[in-house]
Protein backbone atom coordinates (compact mmCIF):
# COMPACT_ATOMS: atom_id res chain seq x y z
CA UNK A 1 0.00 0.00 0.00
CA UNK A 2 2.43 2.70 -1.23
CA UNK A 3 2.33 6.10 0.41
CA UNK A 4 0.29 4.93 3.39
CA UNK A 5 2.94 5.65 6.02
CA UNK A 6 4.79 8.90 6.63
CA UNK A 7 8.45 8.55 7.57
CA UNK A 8 7.80 10.22 10.92
CA UNK A 9 5.16 7.66 11.95
CA UNK A 10 5.95 4.97 14.51
CA UNK A 11 3.85 2.09 13.19
CA UNK A 12 2.15 -0.44 15.47
CA UNK A 13 3.91 -3.80 15.85
CA UNK A 14 1.20 -6.47 15.67
CA UNK A 15 1.60 -9.96 17.07
CA UNK A 16 1.89 -13.01 14.82
CA UNK A 17 -1.79 -13.67 15.42
CA UNK A 18 -2.63 -10.18 14.21
CA UNK A 19 -0.53 -10.62 11.09
CA UNK A 20 -2.75 -13.59 10.30
CA UNK A 21 -5.77 -11.29 10.32
CA UNK A 22 -7.14 -10.87 13.85
CA UNK A 23 -8.42 -7.27 14.05
CA UNK A 24 -9.99 -7.79 17.47
CA UNK A 25 -6.57 -8.60 18.92
CA UNK A 26 -5.12 -5.52 17.24
CA UNK A 27 -7.74 -3.34 18.88
CA UNK A 28 -6.88 -4.72 22.31
CA UNK A 29 -3.15 -4.28 21.71
CA UNK A 30 -3.57 -0.68 20.61
CA UNK A 31 -5.58 0.26 23.66
CA UNK A 32 -3.05 -1.45 25.92
CA UNK A 33 -0.17 0.39 24.26
CA UNK A 34 -2.01 3.68 24.61
CA UNK A 35 -2.55 3.09 28.34
CA UNK A 36 1.10 2.12 28.77
CA UNK A 37 2.29 5.29 27.02
CA UNK A 38 0.04 7.50 29.08
CA UNK A 39 1.12 5.83 32.33
CA UNK A 40 4.77 6.20 31.42
CA UNK A 41 4.44 9.79 30.22
CA UNK A 42 5.14 8.71 26.64
CA UNK A 43 3.90 10.27 23.43
CA UNK A 44 0.10 10.60 23.29
CA UNK A 45 -1.86 9.00 20.43
CA UNK A 46 -1.67 10.80 17.11
CA UNK A 47 -3.80 8.52 14.95
CA UNK A 48 -7.18 6.81 15.20
CA UNK A 49 -8.79 4.14 13.03
CA UNK A 50 -12.51 3.43 12.97
CA UNK A 51 -15.14 1.89 10.69
CA UNK A 52 -17.94 4.30 9.90
CA UNK A 53 -20.87 5.25 7.73
CA UNK A 54 -20.49 8.57 5.92
CA UNK A 55 -23.40 10.61 4.56
CA UNK A 56 -23.26 11.60 0.88
CA UNK A 57 -21.88 15.13 0.32
CA UNK A 58 -25.29 16.68 -0.34
CA UNK A 59 -26.65 15.14 2.87
CA UNK A 60 -23.59 16.32 4.81
CA UNK A 61 -24.43 19.85 3.67
CA UNK A 62 -27.97 19.45 5.04
CA UNK A 63 -26.53 18.17 8.33
CA UNK A 64 -24.22 21.19 8.54
CA UNK A 65 -27.17 23.53 7.94
CA UNK A 66 -29.24 21.77 10.62
CA UNK A 67 -26.31 21.83 13.06
CA UNK A 68 -25.97 25.58 12.59
CA UNK A 69 -29.66 26.21 13.18
CA UNK A 70 -29.80 23.96 16.25
CA UNK A 71 -26.66 25.56 17.65
CA UNK A 72 -28.16 29.04 17.32
CA UNK A 73 -31.59 27.96 18.55
CA UNK A 74 -30.22 26.38 21.74
CA UNK A 75 -27.57 29.02 22.37
CA UNK A 76 -24.73 26.52 22.11
CA UNK A 77 -21.14 27.71 21.74
CA UNK A 78 -19.41 24.50 20.65
CA UNK A 79 -17.99 24.50 17.15
CA UNK A 80 -19.79 22.15 14.72
CA UNK A 81 -17.78 19.41 13.06
CA UNK A 82 -16.49 20.16 9.60
CA UNK A 83 -19.02 19.17 6.97
CA UNK A 84 -16.74 16.49 5.50
CA UNK A 85 -16.26 14.91 8.96
CA UNK A 86 -19.87 14.00 9.78
CA UNK A 87 -20.08 10.25 10.29
CA UNK A 88 -21.62 7.40 12.28
CA UNK A 89 -18.97 5.31 14.06
CA UNK A 90 -19.61 1.57 13.93
CA UNK A 91 -16.36 0.17 15.34
CA UNK A 92 -13.45 2.02 16.94
CA UNK A 93 -10.32 0.04 16.08
CA UNK A 94 -8.06 1.98 18.44
CA UNK A 95 -5.67 4.90 18.84
CA UNK A 96 -1.90 4.92 18.50
CA UNK A 97 1.22 6.65 17.27
CA UNK A 98 1.23 6.23 13.50
CA UNK A 99 -0.64 3.57 11.56
CA UNK A 100 -0.42 -0.21 11.68
CA UNK A 101 1.59 -1.96 9.00
CA UNK A 102 -0.14 -2.31 5.65
CA UNK A 103 -0.77 -6.03 6.20
CA UNK A 104 -2.74 -5.29 9.35
CA UNK A 105 -5.01 -2.83 7.57
CA UNK A 106 -5.47 -5.33 4.76
CA UNK A 107 -6.39 -8.01 7.31
CA UNK A 108 -9.05 -5.94 9.03
CA UNK A 109 -10.41 -4.84 5.65
CA UNK A 110 -10.62 -8.47 4.53
CA UNK A 111 -12.57 -9.31 7.67
CA UNK A 112 -14.97 -6.40 7.17
CA UNK A 113 -15.45 -7.40 3.54
CA UNK A 114 -17.17 -10.53 4.80
CA UNK A 115 -20.17 -8.53 6.02
CA UNK A 116 -23.25 -9.42 3.99
CA UNK A 117 -25.94 -6.74 4.03
CA UNK A 118 -27.75 -4.93 1.23
CA UNK A 119 -27.95 -1.11 1.08
CA UNK A 120 -30.62 0.32 3.39
CA UNK A 121 -32.28 3.59 4.34
CA UNK A 122 -31.43 5.41 7.55
CA UNK A 123 -33.10 8.48 9.07
CA UNK A 124 -32.05 10.62 12.04
CA UNK A 125 -35.12 12.44 13.33
CA UNK A 126 -34.21 13.74 16.79
CA UNK A 127 -31.47 15.76 18.47
CA UNK A 128 -30.15 15.36 22.00
CA UNK A 129 -27.10 15.75 24.22
CA UNK A 130 -25.08 12.90 25.69
CA UNK A 131 -23.58 13.16 29.15
CA UNK A 132 -20.11 13.51 27.67
CA UNK A 133 -21.12 16.80 26.01
CA UNK A 134 -21.73 15.45 22.52
CA UNK A 135 -24.74 17.04 20.82
CA UNK A 136 -25.98 14.44 18.36
CA UNK A 137 -28.63 13.31 15.93
CA UNK A 138 -30.36 10.07 16.85
CA UNK A 139 -33.32 7.96 15.91
CA UNK A 140 -35.47 5.01 16.89
CA UNK A 141 -36.83 2.45 14.42
CA UNK A 142 -35.33 4.57 11.63
CA UNK A 143 -31.77 3.56 12.63
CA UNK A 144 -32.33 -0.16 13.20
CA UNK A 145 -30.39 -0.90 10.01
CA UNK A 146 -27.30 0.63 11.61
CA UNK A 147 -27.71 -1.59 14.67
CA UNK A 148 -27.84 -4.67 12.44
CA UNK A 149 -24.84 -3.55 10.37
CA UNK A 150 -22.79 -2.78 13.49
CA UNK A 151 -23.49 -6.24 14.92
CA UNK A 152 -22.54 -7.96 11.67
CA UNK A 153 -19.40 -5.87 11.31
CA UNK A 154 -18.16 -6.52 14.85
CA UNK A 155 -18.91 -10.24 14.44
CA UNK A 156 -16.84 -10.24 11.25
CA UNK A 157 -13.95 -8.38 12.89
CA UNK A 158 -13.97 -10.74 15.86
CA UNK A 159 -14.21 -13.76 13.59
CA UNK A 160 -17.23 -15.26 15.38
CA UNK A 161 -20.77 -14.31 16.41
CA UNK A 162 -21.01 -12.80 19.89
CA UNK A 163 -23.92 -11.52 22.02
CA UNK A 164 -25.34 -8.18 20.94
CA UNK A 165 -23.14 -5.23 21.90
CA UNK A 166 -24.45 -2.06 23.46
CA UNK A 167 -24.67 0.38 20.58
CA UNK A 168 -26.60 3.62 20.17
CA UNK A 169 -26.47 4.84 16.55
CA UNK A 170 -25.80 8.56 16.49
CA UNK A 171 -24.18 11.29 14.42
CA UNK A 172 -22.26 13.91 16.40
CA UNK A 173 -22.87 17.54 15.41
CA UNK A 174 -20.71 19.33 17.99
CA UNK A 175 -19.65 19.28 21.64
CA UNK A 176 -20.94 21.70 24.24
CA UNK A 177 -21.21 21.95 28.04
CA UNK A 178 -24.92 22.71 27.84
CA UNK A 179 -27.21 19.67 27.94
CA UNK A 180 -30.10 19.76 25.45
CA UNK A 181 -33.07 17.43 26.10
CA UNK A 182 -34.07 15.08 23.31
CA UNK A 183 -36.47 16.62 20.81
CA UNK A 184 -37.66 15.91 17.24
CA UNK A 185 -36.01 17.52 14.21
CA UNK A 186 -36.60 17.38 10.49
CA UNK A 187 -35.39 13.95 9.37
CA UNK A 188 -31.97 13.59 7.80
CA UNK A 189 -32.22 10.57 5.50
CA UNK A 190 -30.03 8.73 3.04
CA UNK A 191 -29.33 5.26 1.67
CA UNK A 192 -26.33 3.59 3.30
CA UNK A 193 -24.30 1.95 0.55
CA UNK A 194 -20.80 1.37 1.96
CA UNK A 195 -18.55 0.89 4.96
CA UNK A 196 -15.57 3.22 5.27
CA UNK A 197 -12.33 2.68 7.23
CA UNK A 198 -11.45 6.17 8.46
CA UNK A 199 -8.01 7.36 9.56
CA UNK A 200 -8.35 10.38 11.85
CA UNK A 201 -5.23 12.46 12.48
CA UNK A 202 -5.87 13.46 16.07
CA UNK A 203 -5.61 17.16 16.80
CA UNK A 204 -5.08 17.98 13.14
CA UNK A 205 -8.72 18.02 11.99
CA UNK A 206 -8.08 15.61 9.14
CA UNK A 207 -9.88 12.45 8.08
CA UNK A 208 -8.66 10.04 5.39
CA UNK A 209 -10.58 7.12 3.91
CA UNK A 210 -8.31 4.05 3.84
CA UNK A 211 -10.88 1.56 2.53
CA UNK A 212 -14.41 1.64 1.13
CA UNK A 213 -16.52 -1.51 1.03
CA UNK A 214 -19.81 -1.43 -0.91
CA UNK A 215 -22.68 -3.14 0.92
CA UNK A 216 -24.09 -6.25 -0.72
CA UNK A 217 -26.38 -9.07 0.33
CA UNK A 218 -23.65 -11.55 -0.64
CA UNK A 219 -20.00 -11.29 -1.73
CA UNK A 220 -19.87 -14.74 -3.32
């Protein structure tokens, strides 16, 4: 994967099991390394990898417009996310200094490619604040497709079916100290057609798409 790593990055060193394609182990190792660095006063994480759903550009523009109106209407002061950064996180693969080796990214992408699910409609029709300060869009029955996709994705990454994980589909608009009660908003809808592996450069307000996997009912 030419050009994936910058010379200044300190790539992750996966175990032999991870080299064989065990993304769940990689996630655990990354979090452990992060904790070790923080305990030892080492370099903080600079890079994050996560699987996500991204709205089409025209929908992202509608989200940005709604975020601006909600921010003004509720008197919030937090800065909205950049329009190109709106997303729904499905699986956080971990934080670290630099990126994993190319083979590791290929392994987790190969696992995710095993997810079988056709494209589906999603709609976010309410806004609310989480306790951590995130002001988000959420939904009820209109986001069930995301719950199913997240379960199938995490099963694929772990390599085996597991009990349902706790997952609340949401799309973060901004962060603010003020807590806004849940209330209905004009629906933001689109057809989900692909999974995206996102590389976030922490503190640098940059997102890069490392892999895009079209949804399909079968990949055979």
